[in-house]
Amino acid sequence: MQKYNLSQVSRIILIAKVGRNKIYKILRELGYVDHTNRPFQKYIDQGDLDDGRPKFMIHTTLAVGLGGVGFIRQVVIDYLKDHPIPKIERKPKQDGTIDI
Protein backbone atom coordinates (compact mmCIF):
# COMPACT_ATOMS: atom_id res chain seq x y z
CA MET A 1 0.00 0.00 0.00
CA GLN A 2 1.26 3.48 -0.88
CA LYS A 3 2.15 5.67 2.11
CA TYR A 4 2.47 9.46 2.06
CA ASN A 5 4.35 11.79 4.39
CA LEU A 6 2.73 15.09 5.41
CA SER A 7 4.65 17.12 2.83
CA GLN A 8 3.11 14.93 0.14
CA VAL A 9 -0.31 15.07 1.81
CA SER A 10 -0.23 18.89 1.87
CA ARG A 11 0.36 18.90 -1.91
CA ILE A 12 -2.40 16.35 -2.49
CA ILE A 13 -5.14 18.05 -0.45
CA LEU A 14 -4.47 21.46 -2.05
CA ILE A 15 -5.60 23.75 0.76
CA ALA A 16 -4.04 27.18 0.37
CA LYS A 17 -1.44 28.12 2.99
CA VAL A 18 -1.63 24.72 4.67
CA GLY A 19 1.65 22.85 4.50
CA ARG A 20 3.31 20.11 6.49
CA ASN A 21 3.99 22.21 9.59
CA LYS A 22 0.45 23.61 9.72
CA ILE A 23 -0.99 20.08 9.41
CA TYR A 24 1.24 18.85 12.25
CA LYS A 25 0.12 21.81 14.38
CA ILE A 26 -3.56 21.07 13.70
CA LEU A 27 -3.16 17.35 14.41
CA ARG A 28 -1.35 18.10 17.70
CA GLU A 29 -3.90 20.71 18.75
CA LEU A 30 -6.82 18.36 18.05
CA GLY A 31 -5.19 15.41 19.82
CA TYR A 32 -4.48 13.12 16.85
CA VAL A 33 -0.70 13.12 17.45
CA ASP A 34 1.43 13.71 20.53
CA HIS A 35 4.07 16.40 21.09
CA THR A 36 6.60 14.32 19.11
CA ASN A 37 4.14 14.06 16.17
CA ARG A 38 3.56 10.36 16.80
CA PRO A 39 -0.07 9.39 16.16
CA PHE A 40 -2.05 7.99 19.05
CA GLN A 41 -2.69 4.25 18.86
CA LYS A 42 -6.43 4.77 18.32
CA TYR A 43 -5.80 6.45 14.95
CA ILE A 44 -3.19 3.84 13.97
CA ASP A 45 -5.69 1.06 14.78
CA GLN A 46 -8.39 2.81 12.74
CA GLY A 47 -5.99 2.97 9.79
CA ASP A 48 -6.17 6.78 9.52
CA LEU A 49 -2.57 7.48 10.56
CA ASP A 50 0.67 5.54 10.85
CA ASP A 51 3.99 6.45 12.41
CA GLY A 52 5.87 5.06 9.42
CA ARG A 53 8.66 3.44 11.42
CA PRO A 54 9.56 0.18 13.08
CA LYS A 55 9.01 0.29 16.85
CA PHE A 56 12.75 0.25 17.66
CA MET A 57 13.53 3.53 15.85
CA ILE A 58 13.45 6.87 17.62
CA HIS A 59 12.66 9.21 14.69
CA THR A 60 9.01 9.43 13.68
CA THR A 61 7.70 10.47 10.29
CA LEU A 62 3.93 10.51 10.13
CA ALA A 63 2.77 8.38 7.22
CA VAL A 64 -0.72 7.90 5.86
CA GLY A 65 -2.37 5.75 3.23
CA LEU A 66 -4.90 7.04 0.73
CA GLY A 67 -7.70 6.80 3.31
CA GLY A 68 -5.58 8.83 5.72
CA VAL A 69 -5.18 11.58 3.12
CA GLY A 70 -8.95 12.02 3.04
CA PHE A 71 -9.06 11.87 6.83
CA ILE A 72 -6.43 14.61 7.19
CA ARG A 73 -8.09 16.75 4.50
CA GLN A 74 -11.40 16.64 6.40
CA VAL A 75 -9.68 17.35 9.74
CA VAL A 76 -7.96 20.43 8.23
CA ILE A 77 -11.16 21.68 6.55
CA ASP A 78 -13.15 21.31 9.79
CA TYR A 79 -10.37 23.01 11.77
CA LEU A 80 -10.19 25.96 9.37
CA LYS A 81 -13.94 26.58 9.72
CA ASP A 82 -13.33 27.67 13.33
CA HIS A 83 -9.71 28.86 12.95
CA PRO A 84 -9.32 30.65 9.62
CA ILE A 85 -5.83 31.52 8.44
CA PRO A 86 -5.41 35.27 8.87
CA LYS A 87 -4.99 37.29 5.72
CA ILE A 88 -1.77 39.24 5.51
CA GLU A 89 -2.31 42.82 4.50
CA ARG A 90 0.56 44.16 2.44
CA LYS A 91 1.31 47.88 2.55
CA PRO A 92 2.02 49.49 -0.79
CA LYS A 93 5.49 50.87 -1.36
CA GLN A 94 5.96 54.54 -2.04
CA ASP A 95 5.79 53.84 -5.76
CA GLY A 96 2.38 52.17 -5.31
CA THR A 97 3.51 48.58 -5.93
CA ILE A 98 3.02 45.74 -3.47
CA ASP A 99 5.55 43.00 -2.72
CA ILE A 100 4.04 39.53 -2.88
PDB file of N, CA and C in Angstrom:
ATOM      1  N   MET A   1       0.844  -1.186   0.000  1.00  0.00           N
ATOM      2  CA  MET A   1       0.000   0.000   0.000  1.00  0.00           C
ATOM      3  C   MET A   1       0.888   1.248   0.000  1.00  0.00           C
ATOM      4  N   GLN A   2       0.536   2.216  -0.795  1.00  0.00           N
ATOM      5  CA  GLN A   2       1.260   3.481  -0.879  1.00  0.00           C
ATOM      6  C   GLN A   2       1.087   4.273   0.417  1.00  0.00           C
ATOM      7  N   LYS A   3       2.178   4.808   0.929  1.00  0.00           N
ATOM      8  CA  LYS A   3       2.147   5.671   2.113  1.00  0.00           C
ATOM      9  C   LYS A   3       2.658   7.045   1.723  1.00  0.00           C
ATOM     10  N   TYR A   4       2.104   8.079   2.337  1.00  0.00           N
ATOM     11  CA  TYR A   4       2.471   9.459   2.060  1.00  0.00           C
ATOM     12  C   TYR A   4       2.935  10.130   3.342  1.00  0.00           C
ATOM     13  N   ASN A   5       3.973  10.976   3.241  1.00  0.00           N
ATOM     14  CA  ASN A   5       4.347  11.789   4.392  1.00  0.00           C
ATOM     15  C   ASN A   5       3.525  13.083   4.328  1.00  0.00           C
ATOM     16  N   LEU A   6       3.605  13.915   5.362  1.00  0.00           N
ATOM     17  CA  LEU A   6       2.731  15.093   5.406  1.00  0.00           C
ATOM     18  C   LEU A   6       3.091  16.150   4.381  1.00  0.00           C
ATOM     19  N   SER A   7       4.311  16.196   3.917  1.00  0.00           N
ATOM     20  CA  SER A   7       4.652  17.120   2.827  1.00  0.00           C
ATOM     21  C   SER A   7       3.884  16.718   1.573  1.00  0.00           C
ATOM     22  N   GLN A   8       3.850  15.425   1.296  1.00  0.00           N
ATOM     23  CA  GLN A   8       3.111  14.934   0.138  1.00  0.00           C
ATOM     24  C   GLN A   8       1.612  15.144   0.323  1.00  0.00           C
ATOM     25  N   VAL A   9       1.125  14.886   1.527  1.00  0.00           N
ATOM     26  CA  VAL A   9      -0.308  15.074   1.811  1.00  0.00           C
ATOM     27  C   VAL A   9      -0.710  16.521   1.584  1.00  0.00           C
ATOM     28  N   SER A  10       0.120  17.469   2.031  1.00  0.00           N
ATOM     29  CA  SER A  10      -0.232  18.887   1.871  1.00  0.00           C
ATOM     30  C   SER A  10      -0.347  19.266   0.399  1.00  0.00           C
ATOM     31  N   ARG A  11       0.455  18.626  -0.467  1.00  0.00           N
ATOM     32  CA  ARG A  11       0.360  18.900  -1.906  1.00  0.00           C
ATOM     33  C   ARG A  11      -0.850  18.210  -2.529  1.00  0.00           C
ATOM     34  N   ILE A  12      -1.255  17.086  -1.964  1.00  0.00           N
ATOM     35  CA  ILE A  12      -2.402  16.349  -2.494  1.00  0.00           C
ATOM     36  C   ILE A  12      -3.723  17.034  -2.128  1.00  0.00           C
ATOM     37  N   ILE A  13      -3.853  17.497  -0.884  1.00  0.00           N
ATOM     38  CA  ILE A  13      -5.139  18.051  -0.452  1.00  0.00           C
ATOM     39  C   ILE A  13      -5.391  19.465  -0.957  1.00  0.00           C
ATOM     40  N   LEU A  14      -4.339  20.149  -1.398  1.00  0.00           N
ATOM     41  CA  LEU A  14      -4.469  21.458  -2.050  1.00  0.00           C
ATOM     42  C   LEU A  14      -5.313  22.466  -1.274  1.00  0.00           C
ATOM     43  N   ILE A  15      -4.958  22.698  -0.026  1.00  0.00           N
ATOM     44  CA  ILE A  15      -5.604  23.749   0.758  1.00  0.00           C
ATOM     45  C   ILE A  15      -4.590  24.867   0.893  1.00  0.00           C
ATOM     46  N   ALA A  16      -4.954  26.041   0.412  1.00  0.00           N
ATOM     47  CA  ALA A  16      -4.036  27.176   0.373  1.00  0.00           C
ATOM     48  C   ALA A  16      -3.465  27.484   1.747  1.00  0.00           C
ATOM     49  N   LYS A  17      -2.180  27.731   1.793  1.00  0.00           N
ATOM     50  CA  LYS A  17      -1.441  28.123   2.987  1.00  0.00           C
ATOM     51  C   LYS A  17      -1.447  27.067   4.083  1.00  0.00           C
ATOM     52  N   VAL A  18      -1.680  25.809   3.710  1.00  0.00           N
ATOM     53  CA  VAL A  18      -1.627  24.715   4.670  1.00  0.00           C
ATOM     54  C   VAL A  18      -0.585  23.716   4.177  1.00  0.00           C
ATOM     55  N   GLY A  19       0.569  23.758   4.830  1.00  0.00           N
ATOM     56  CA  GLY A  19       1.650  22.852   4.497  1.00  0.00           C
ATOM     57  C   GLY A  19       1.866  21.844   5.604  1.00  0.00           C
ATOM     58  N   ARG A  20       2.981  21.155   5.534  1.00  0.00           N
ATOM     59  CA  ARG A  20       3.310  20.106   6.493  1.00  0.00           C
ATOM     60  C   ARG A  20       3.272  20.592   7.936  1.00  0.00           C
ATOM     61  N   ASN A  21       3.922  21.719   8.207  1.00  0.00           N
ATOM     62  CA  ASN A  21       3.995  22.210   9.586  1.00  0.00           C
ATOM     63  C   ASN A  21       2.627  22.608  10.126  1.00  0.00           C
ATOM     64  N   LYS A  22       1.803  23.219   9.295  1.00  0.00           N
ATOM     65  CA  LYS A  22       0.450  23.610   9.721  1.00  0.00           C
ATOM     66  C   LYS A  22      -0.380  22.361  10.011  1.00  0.00           C
ATOM     67  N   ILE A  23      -0.244  21.323   9.178  1.00  0.00           N
ATOM     68  CA  ILE A  23      -0.987  20.083   9.415  1.00  0.00           C
ATOM     69  C   ILE A  23      -0.548  19.443  10.726  1.00  0.00           C
ATOM     70  N   TYR A  24       0.773  19.388  10.970  1.00  0.00           N
ATOM     71  CA  TYR A  24       1.240  18.849  12.250  1.00  0.00           C
ATOM     72  C   TYR A  24       0.654  19.643  13.412  1.00  0.00           C
ATOM     73  N   LYS A  25       0.651  20.955  13.314  1.00  0.00           N
ATOM     74  CA  LYS A  25       0.117  21.812  14.383  1.00  0.00           C
ATOM     75  C   LYS A  25      -1.357  21.490  14.637  1.00  0.00           C
ATOM     76  N   ILE A  26      -2.128  21.372  13.569  1.00  0.00           N
ATOM     77  CA  ILE A  26      -3.559  21.074  13.700  1.00  0.00           C
ATOM     78  C   ILE A  26      -3.756  19.695  14.336  1.00  0.00           C
ATOM     79  N   LEU A  27      -3.013  18.699  13.861  1.00  0.00           N
ATOM     80  CA  LEU A  27      -3.160  17.350  14.406  1.00  0.00           C
ATOM     81  C   LEU A  27      -2.769  17.286  15.878  1.00  0.00           C
ATOM     82  N   ARG A  28      -1.725  18.055  16.274  1.00  0.00           N
ATOM     83  CA  ARG A  28      -1.346  18.102  17.696  1.00  0.00           C
ATOM     84  C   ARG A  28      -2.435  18.785  18.505  1.00  0.00           C
ATOM     85  N   GLU A  29      -2.906  19.930  18.018  1.00  0.00           N
ATOM     86  CA  GLU A  29      -3.905  20.707  18.751  1.00  0.00           C
ATOM     87  C   GLU A  29      -5.202  19.916  18.951  1.00  0.00           C
ATOM     88  N   LEU A  30      -5.572  19.119  17.964  1.00  0.00           N
ATOM     89  CA  LEU A  30      -6.821  18.362  18.053  1.00  0.00           C
ATOM     90  C   LEU A  30      -6.649  16.987  18.703  1.00  0.00           C
ATOM     91  N   GLY A  31      -5.415  16.643  19.083  1.00  0.00           N
ATOM     92  CA  GLY A  31      -5.185  15.412  19.818  1.00  0.00           C
ATOM     93  C   GLY A  31      -5.067  14.157  18.974  1.00  0.00           C
ATOM     94  N   TYR A  32      -4.701  14.289  17.698  1.00  0.00           N
ATOM     95  CA  TYR A  32      -4.481  13.121  16.853  1.00  0.00           C
ATOM     96  C   TYR A  32      -3.052  12.602  16.962  1.00  0.00           C
ATOM     97  N   VAL A  33      -2.102  13.510  17.263  1.00  0.00           N
ATOM     98  CA  VAL A  33      -0.702  13.124  17.448  1.00  0.00           C
ATOM     99  C   VAL A  33      -0.192  13.754  18.738  1.00  0.00           C
ATOM    100  N   ASP A  34       0.865  13.171  19.291  1.00  0.00           N
ATOM    101  CA  ASP A  34       1.431  13.711  20.532  1.00  0.00           C
ATOM    102  C   ASP A  34       2.447  14.821  20.229  1.00  0.00           C
ATOM    103  N   HIS A  35       3.129  15.290  21.243  1.00  0.00           N
ATOM    104  CA  HIS A  35       4.075  16.403  21.094  1.00  0.00           C
ATOM    105  C   HIS A  35       5.280  16.035  20.222  1.00  0.00           C
ATOM    106  N   THR A  36       5.513  14.741  19.995  1.00  0.00           N
ATOM    107  CA  THR A  36       6.600  14.315  19.109  1.00  0.00           C
ATOM    108  C   THR A  36       6.082  13.989  17.707  1.00  0.00           C
ATOM    109  N   ASN A  37       4.832  14.299  17.445  1.00  0.00           N
ATOM    110  CA  ASN A  37       4.140  14.055  16.169  1.00  0.00           C
ATOM    111  C   ASN A  37       3.865  12.581  15.903  1.00  0.00           C
ATOM    112  N   ARG A  38       3.901  11.780  16.943  1.00  0.00           N
ATOM    113  CA  ARG A  38       3.560  10.362  16.799  1.00  0.00           C
ATOM    114  C   ARG A  38       2.055  10.215  16.977  1.00  0.00           C
ATOM    115  N   PRO A  39       1.380   9.555  16.042  1.00  0.00           N
ATOM    116  CA  PRO A  39      -0.073   9.393  16.160  1.00  0.00           C
ATOM    117  C   PRO A  39      -0.438   8.504  17.344  1.00  0.00           C
ATOM    118  N   PHE A  40      -1.566   8.819  17.958  1.00  0.00           N
ATOM    119  CA  PHE A  40      -2.047   7.993  19.049  1.00  0.00           C
ATOM    120  C   PHE A  40      -2.539   6.664  18.488  1.00  0.00           C
ATOM    121  N   GLN A  41      -2.413   5.623  19.303  1.00  0.00           N
ATOM    122  CA  GLN A  41      -2.688   4.252  18.865  1.00  0.00           C
ATOM    123  C   GLN A  41      -4.092   4.114  18.272  1.00  0.00           C
ATOM    124  N   LYS A  42      -5.047   4.838  18.809  1.00  0.00           N
ATOM    125  CA  LYS A  42      -6.429   4.773  18.319  1.00  0.00           C
ATOM    126  C   LYS A  42      -6.494   5.051  16.816  1.00  0.00           C
ATOM    127  N   TYR A  43      -5.751   6.057  16.355  1.00  0.00           N
ATOM    128  CA  TYR A  43      -5.799   6.448  14.946  1.00  0.00           C
ATOM    129  C   TYR A  43      -4.945   5.522  14.079  1.00  0.00           C
ATOM    130  N   ILE A  44      -3.954   4.877  14.683  1.00  0.00           N
ATOM    131  CA  ILE A  44      -3.195   3.845  13.973  1.00  0.00           C
ATOM    132  C   ILE A  44      -4.090   2.624  13.778  1.00  0.00           C
ATOM    133  N   ASP A  45      -4.794   2.218  14.846  1.00  0.00           N
ATOM    134  CA  ASP A  45      -5.688   1.058  14.781  1.00  0.00           C
ATOM    135  C   ASP A  45      -6.822   1.273  13.783  1.00  0.00           C
ATOM    136  N   GLN A  46      -7.314   2.511  13.682  1.00  0.00           N
ATOM    137  CA  GLN A  46      -8.393   2.814  12.739  1.00  0.00           C
ATOM    138  C   GLN A  46      -7.891   2.853  11.295  1.00  0.00           C
ATOM    139  N   GLY A  47      -6.565   2.923  11.124  1.00  0.00           N
ATOM    140  CA  GLY A  47      -5.990   2.974   9.787  1.00  0.00           C
ATOM    141  C   GLY A  47      -5.919   4.371   9.200  1.00  0.00           C
ATOM    142  N   ASP A  48      -6.219   5.399  10.011  1.00  0.00           N
ATOM    143  CA  ASP A  48      -6.173   6.779   9.520  1.00  0.00           C
ATOM    144  C   ASP A  48      -4.752   7.313   9.468  1.00  0.00           C
ATOM    145  N   LEU A  49      -3.937   6.980  10.468  1.00  0.00           N
ATOM    146  CA  LEU A  49      -2.571   7.478  10.557  1.00  0.00           C
ATOM    147  C   LEU A  49      -1.626   6.319  10.850  1.00  0.00           C
ATOM    148  N   ASP A  50      -0.354   6.539  10.568  1.00  0.00           N
ATOM    149  CA  ASP A  50       0.675   5.545  10.850  1.00  0.00           C
ATOM    150  C   ASP A  50       1.938   6.318  11.205  1.00  0.00           C
ATOM    151  N   ASP A  51       2.768   5.733  12.063  1.00  0.00           N
ATOM    152  CA  ASP A  51       3.988   6.455  12.415  1.00  0.00           C
ATOM    153  C   ASP A  51       5.116   6.166  11.444  1.00  0.00           C
ATOM    154  N   GLY A  52       4.924   5.264  10.504  1.00  0.00           N
ATOM    155  CA  GLY A  52       5.871   5.060   9.423  1.00  0.00           C
ATOM    156  C   GLY A  52       7.248   4.576   9.840  1.00  0.00           C
ATOM    157  N   ARG A  53       7.350   3.894  10.959  1.00  0.00           N
ATOM    158  CA  ARG A  53       8.659   3.443  11.420  1.00  0.00           C
ATOM    159  C   ARG A  53       8.505   2.151  12.194  1.00  0.00           C
ATOM    160  N   PRO A  54       9.560   1.332  12.185  1.00  0.00           N
ATOM    161  CA  PRO A  54       9.564   0.176  13.077  1.00  0.00           C
ATOM    162  C   PRO A  54       9.602   0.659  14.523  1.00  0.00           C
ATOM    163  N   LYS A  55       9.142  -0.132  15.444  1.00  0.00           N
ATOM    164  CA  LYS A  55       9.010   0.290  16.846  1.00  0.00           C
ATOM    165  C   LYS A  55      10.344   0.562  17.538  1.00  0.00           C
ATOM    166  N   PHE A  56      11.457   0.052  17.005  1.00  0.00           N
ATOM    167  CA  PHE A  56      12.747   0.248  17.664  1.00  0.00           C
ATOM    168  C   PHE A  56      13.435   1.545  17.254  1.00  0.00           C
ATOM    169  N   MET A  57      12.906   2.270  16.279  1.00  0.00           N
ATOM    170  CA  MET A  57      13.529   3.531  15.853  1.00  0.00           C
ATOM    171  C   MET A  57      13.013   4.687  16.698  1.00  0.00           C
ATOM    172  N   ILE A  58      13.821   5.712  16.826  1.00  0.00           N
ATOM    173  CA  ILE A  58      13.446   6.869  17.623  1.00  0.00           C
ATOM    174  C   ILE A  58      12.741   7.923  16.771  1.00  0.00           C
ATOM    175  N   HIS A  59      13.216   8.153  15.553  1.00  0.00           N
ATOM    176  CA  HIS A  59      12.663   9.205  14.691  1.00  0.00           C
ATOM    177  C   HIS A  59      11.303   8.786  14.148  1.00  0.00           C
ATOM    178  N   THR A  60      10.351   9.700  14.178  1.00  0.00           N
ATOM    179  CA  THR A  60       9.010   9.432  13.679  1.00  0.00           C
ATOM    180  C   THR A  60       8.715  10.322  12.482  1.00  0.00           C
ATOM    181  N   THR A  61       8.217   9.727  11.424  1.00  0.00           N
ATOM    182  CA  THR A  61       7.696  10.467  10.288  1.00  0.00           C
ATOM    183  C   THR A  61       6.270   9.996  10.107  1.00  0.00           C
ATOM    184  N   LEU A  62       5.324  10.881  10.276  1.00  0.00           N
ATOM    185  CA  LEU A  62       3.930  10.510  10.133  1.00  0.00           C
ATOM    186  C   LEU A  62       3.690  10.066   8.702  1.00  0.00           C
ATOM    187  N   ALA A  63       3.062   8.921   8.541  1.00  0.00           N
ATOM    188  CA  ALA A  63       2.771   8.380   7.222  1.00  0.00           C
ATOM    189  C   ALA A  63       1.300   8.026   7.162  1.00  0.00           C
ATOM    190  N   VAL A  64       0.696   8.223   6.014  1.00  0.00           N
ATOM    191  CA  VAL A  64      -0.719   7.896   5.858  1.00  0.00           C
ATOM    192  C   VAL A  64      -0.930   7.209   4.521  1.00  0.00           C
ATOM    193  N   GLY A  65      -1.943   6.351   4.476  1.00  0.00           N
ATOM    194  CA  GLY A  65      -2.365   5.748   3.225  1.00  0.00           C
ATOM    195  C   GLY A  65      -3.375   6.666   2.557  1.00  0.00           C
ATOM    196  N   LEU A  66      -3.950   6.216   1.469  1.00  0.00           N
ATOM    197  CA  LEU A  66      -4.903   7.041   0.730  1.00  0.00           C
ATOM    198  C   LEU A  66      -6.104   7.416   1.589  1.00  0.00           C
ATOM    199  N   GLY A  67      -6.587   6.486   2.410  1.00  0.00           N
ATOM    200  CA  GLY A  67      -7.696   6.805   3.312  1.00  0.00           C
ATOM    201  C   GLY A  67      -7.311   7.867   4.325  1.00  0.00           C
ATOM    202  N   GLY A  68      -6.065   7.828   4.772  1.00  0.00           N
ATOM    203  CA  GLY A  68      -5.583   8.825   5.722  1.00  0.00           C
ATOM    204  C   GLY A  68      -5.490  10.208   5.113  1.00  0.00           C
ATOM    205  N   VAL A  69      -5.221  10.282   3.804  1.00  0.00           N
ATOM    206  CA  VAL A  69      -5.181  11.582   3.117  1.00  0.00           C
ATOM    207  C   VAL A  69      -6.552  12.240   3.209  1.00  0.00           C
ATOM    208  N   GLY A  70      -7.593  11.484   2.929  1.00  0.00           N
ATOM    209  CA  GLY A  70      -8.954  12.016   3.036  1.00  0.00           C
ATOM    210  C   GLY A  70      -9.289  12.403   4.462  1.00  0.00           C
ATOM    211  N   PHE A  71      -8.846  11.587   5.421  1.00  0.00           N
ATOM    212  CA  PHE A  71      -9.062  11.873   6.832  1.00  0.00           C
ATOM    213  C   PHE A  71      -8.412  13.199   7.216  1.00  0.00           C
ATOM    214  N   ILE A  72      -7.143  13.379   6.851  1.00  0.00           N
ATOM    215  CA  ILE A  72      -6.427  14.611   7.194  1.00  0.00           C
ATOM    216  C   ILE A  72      -7.061  15.806   6.488  1.00  0.00           C
ATOM    217  N   ARG A  73      -7.443  15.652   5.232  1.00  0.00           N
ATOM    218  CA  ARG A  73      -8.089  16.748   4.499  1.00  0.00           C
ATOM    219  C   ARG A  73      -9.336  17.213   5.241  1.00  0.00           C
ATOM    220  N   GLN A  74     -10.171  16.270   5.688  1.00  0.00           N
ATOM    221  CA  GLN A  74     -11.395  16.642   6.395  1.00  0.00           C
ATOM    222  C   GLN A  74     -11.093  17.280   7.744  1.00  0.00           C
ATOM    223  N   VAL A  75     -10.084  16.759   8.450  1.00  0.00           N
ATOM    224  CA  VAL A  75      -9.684  17.350   9.736  1.00  0.00           C
ATOM    225  C   VAL A  75      -9.261  18.803   9.528  1.00  0.00           C
ATOM    226  N   VAL A  76      -8.446  19.063   8.502  1.00  0.00           N
ATOM    227  CA  VAL A  76      -7.963  20.428   8.234  1.00  0.00           C
ATOM    228  C   VAL A  76      -9.131  21.336   7.835  1.00  0.00           C
ATOM    229  N   ILE A  77     -10.010  20.866   6.967  1.00  0.00           N
ATOM    230  CA  ILE A  77     -11.165  21.679   6.551  1.00  0.00           C
ATOM    231  C   ILE A  77     -12.034  22.029   7.756  1.00  0.00           C
ATOM    232  N   ASP A  78     -12.334  21.049   8.594  1.00  0.00           N
ATOM    233  CA  ASP A  78     -13.146  21.306   9.793  1.00  0.00           C
ATOM    234  C   ASP A  78     -12.447  22.283  10.734  1.00  0.00           C
ATOM    235  N   TYR A  79     -11.136  22.124  10.898  1.00  0.00           N
ATOM    236  CA  TYR A  79     -10.366  23.014  11.766  1.00  0.00           C
ATOM    237  C   TYR A  79     -10.412  24.452  11.252  1.00  0.00           C
ATOM    238  N   LEU A  80     -10.237  24.616   9.950  1.00  0.00           N
ATOM    239  CA  LEU A  80     -10.187  25.962   9.370  1.00  0.00           C
ATOM    240  C   LEU A  80     -11.540  26.677   9.409  1.00  0.00           C
ATOM    241  N   LYS A  81     -12.628  25.936   9.576  1.00  0.00           N
ATOM    242  CA  LYS A  81     -13.941  26.575   9.724  1.00  0.00           C
ATOM    243  C   LYS A  81     -13.974  27.433  10.984  1.00  0.00           C
ATOM    244  N   ASP A  82     -13.349  26.945  12.062  1.00  0.00           N
ATOM    245  CA  ASP A  82     -13.325  27.667  13.331  1.00  0.00           C
ATOM    246  C   ASP A  82     -12.061  28.486  13.546  1.00  0.00           C
ATOM    247  N   HIS A  83     -11.002  28.193  12.785  1.00  0.00           N
ATOM    248  CA  HIS A  83      -9.705  28.858  12.953  1.00  0.00           C
ATOM    249  C   HIS A  83      -9.166  29.288  11.590  1.00  0.00           C
ATOM    250  N   PRO A  84      -9.795  30.264  10.951  1.00  0.00           N
ATOM    251  CA  PRO A  84      -9.317  30.650   9.617  1.00  0.00           C
ATOM    252  C   PRO A  84      -7.896  31.205   9.664  1.00  0.00           C
ATOM    253  N   ILE A  85      -7.188  30.989   8.562  1.00  0.00           N
ATOM    254  CA  ILE A  85      -5.833  31.519   8.442  1.00  0.00           C
ATOM    255  C   ILE A  85      -5.952  33.025   8.216  1.00  0.00           C
ATOM    256  N   PRO A  86      -5.282  33.818   9.044  1.00  0.00           N
ATOM    257  CA  PRO A  86      -5.407  35.267   8.873  1.00  0.00           C
ATOM    258  C   PRO A  86      -4.826  35.737   7.543  1.00  0.00           C
ATOM    259  N   LYS A  87      -5.503  36.694   6.955  1.00  0.00           N
ATOM    260  CA  LYS A  87      -4.987  37.286   5.723  1.00  0.00           C
ATOM    261  C   LYS A  87      -3.905  38.284   6.092  1.00  0.00           C
ATOM    262  N   ILE A  88      -2.870  38.316   5.280  1.00  0.00           N
ATOM    263  CA  ILE A  88      -1.773  39.245   5.512  1.00  0.00           C
ATOM    264  C   ILE A  88      -1.991  40.456   4.620  1.00  0.00           C
ATOM    265  N   GLU A  89      -2.134  41.583   5.253  1.00  0.00           N
ATOM    266  CA  GLU A  89      -2.309  42.823   4.501  1.00  0.00           C
ATOM    267  C   GLU A  89      -0.937  43.375   4.153  1.00  0.00           C
ATOM    268  N   ARG A  90      -0.710  43.625   2.909  1.00  0.00           N
ATOM    269  CA  ARG A  90       0.565  44.160   2.442  1.00  0.00           C
ATOM    270  C   ARG A  90       0.408  45.664   2.206  1.00  0.00           C
ATOM    271  N   LYS A  91       1.336  46.425   2.758  1.00  0.00           N
ATOM    272  CA  LYS A  91       1.315  47.877   2.551  1.00  0.00           C
ATOM    273  C   LYS A  91       1.981  48.205   1.232  1.00  0.00           C
ATOM    274  N   PRO A  92       1.375  49.096   0.469  1.00  0.00           N
ATOM    275  CA  PRO A  92       2.016  49.489  -0.792  1.00  0.00           C
ATOM    276  C   PRO A  92       3.311  50.255  -0.526  1.00  0.00           C
ATOM    277  N   LYS A  93       4.264  50.091  -1.440  1.00  0.00           N
ATOM    278  CA  LYS A  93       5.495  50.870  -1.363  1.00  0.00           C
ATOM    279  C   LYS A  93       5.175  52.300  -1.769  1.00  0.00           C
ATOM    280  N   GLN A  94       6.167  53.141  -1.660  1.00  0.00           N
ATOM    281  CA  GLN A  94       5.964  54.536  -2.036  1.00  0.00           C
ATOM    282  C   GLN A  94       5.615  54.682  -3.508  1.00  0.00           C
ATOM    283  N   ASP A  95       6.096  53.754  -4.328  1.00  0.00           N
ATOM    284  CA  ASP A  95       5.789  53.842  -5.762  1.00  0.00           C
ATOM    285  C   ASP A  95       4.446  53.200  -6.115  1.00  0.00           C
ATOM    286  N   GLY A  96       3.715  52.705  -5.091  1.00  0.00           N
ATOM    287  CA  GLY A  96       2.383  52.166  -5.312  1.00  0.00           C
ATOM    288  C   GLY A  96       2.336  50.654  -5.558  1.00  0.00           C
ATOM    289  N   THR A  97       3.510  50.007  -5.703  1.00  0.00           N
ATOM    290  CA  THR A  97       3.508  48.575  -5.925  1.00  0.00           C
ATOM    291  C   THR A  97       3.462  47.832  -4.598  1.00  0.00           C
ATOM    292  N   ILE A  98       3.100  46.571  -4.657  1.00  0.00           N
ATOM    293  CA  ILE A  98       3.016  45.737  -3.468  1.00  0.00           C
ATOM    294  C   ILE A  98       3.904  44.514  -3.680  1.00  0.00           C
ATOM    295  N   ASP A  99       4.737  44.220  -2.680  1.00  0.00           N
ATOM    296  CA  ASP A  99       5.551  42.999  -2.725  1.00  0.00           C
ATOM    297  C   ASP A  99       4.663  41.810  -2.391  1.00  0.00           C
ATOM    298  N   ILE A 100       4.831  40.746  -3.137  1.00  0.00           N
ATOM    299  CA  ILE A 100       4.039  39.529  -2.883  1.00  0.00           C
ATOM    300  C   ILE A 100       4.950  38.462  -2.348  1.00  0.00           C
TER     301      ILE A 100
END
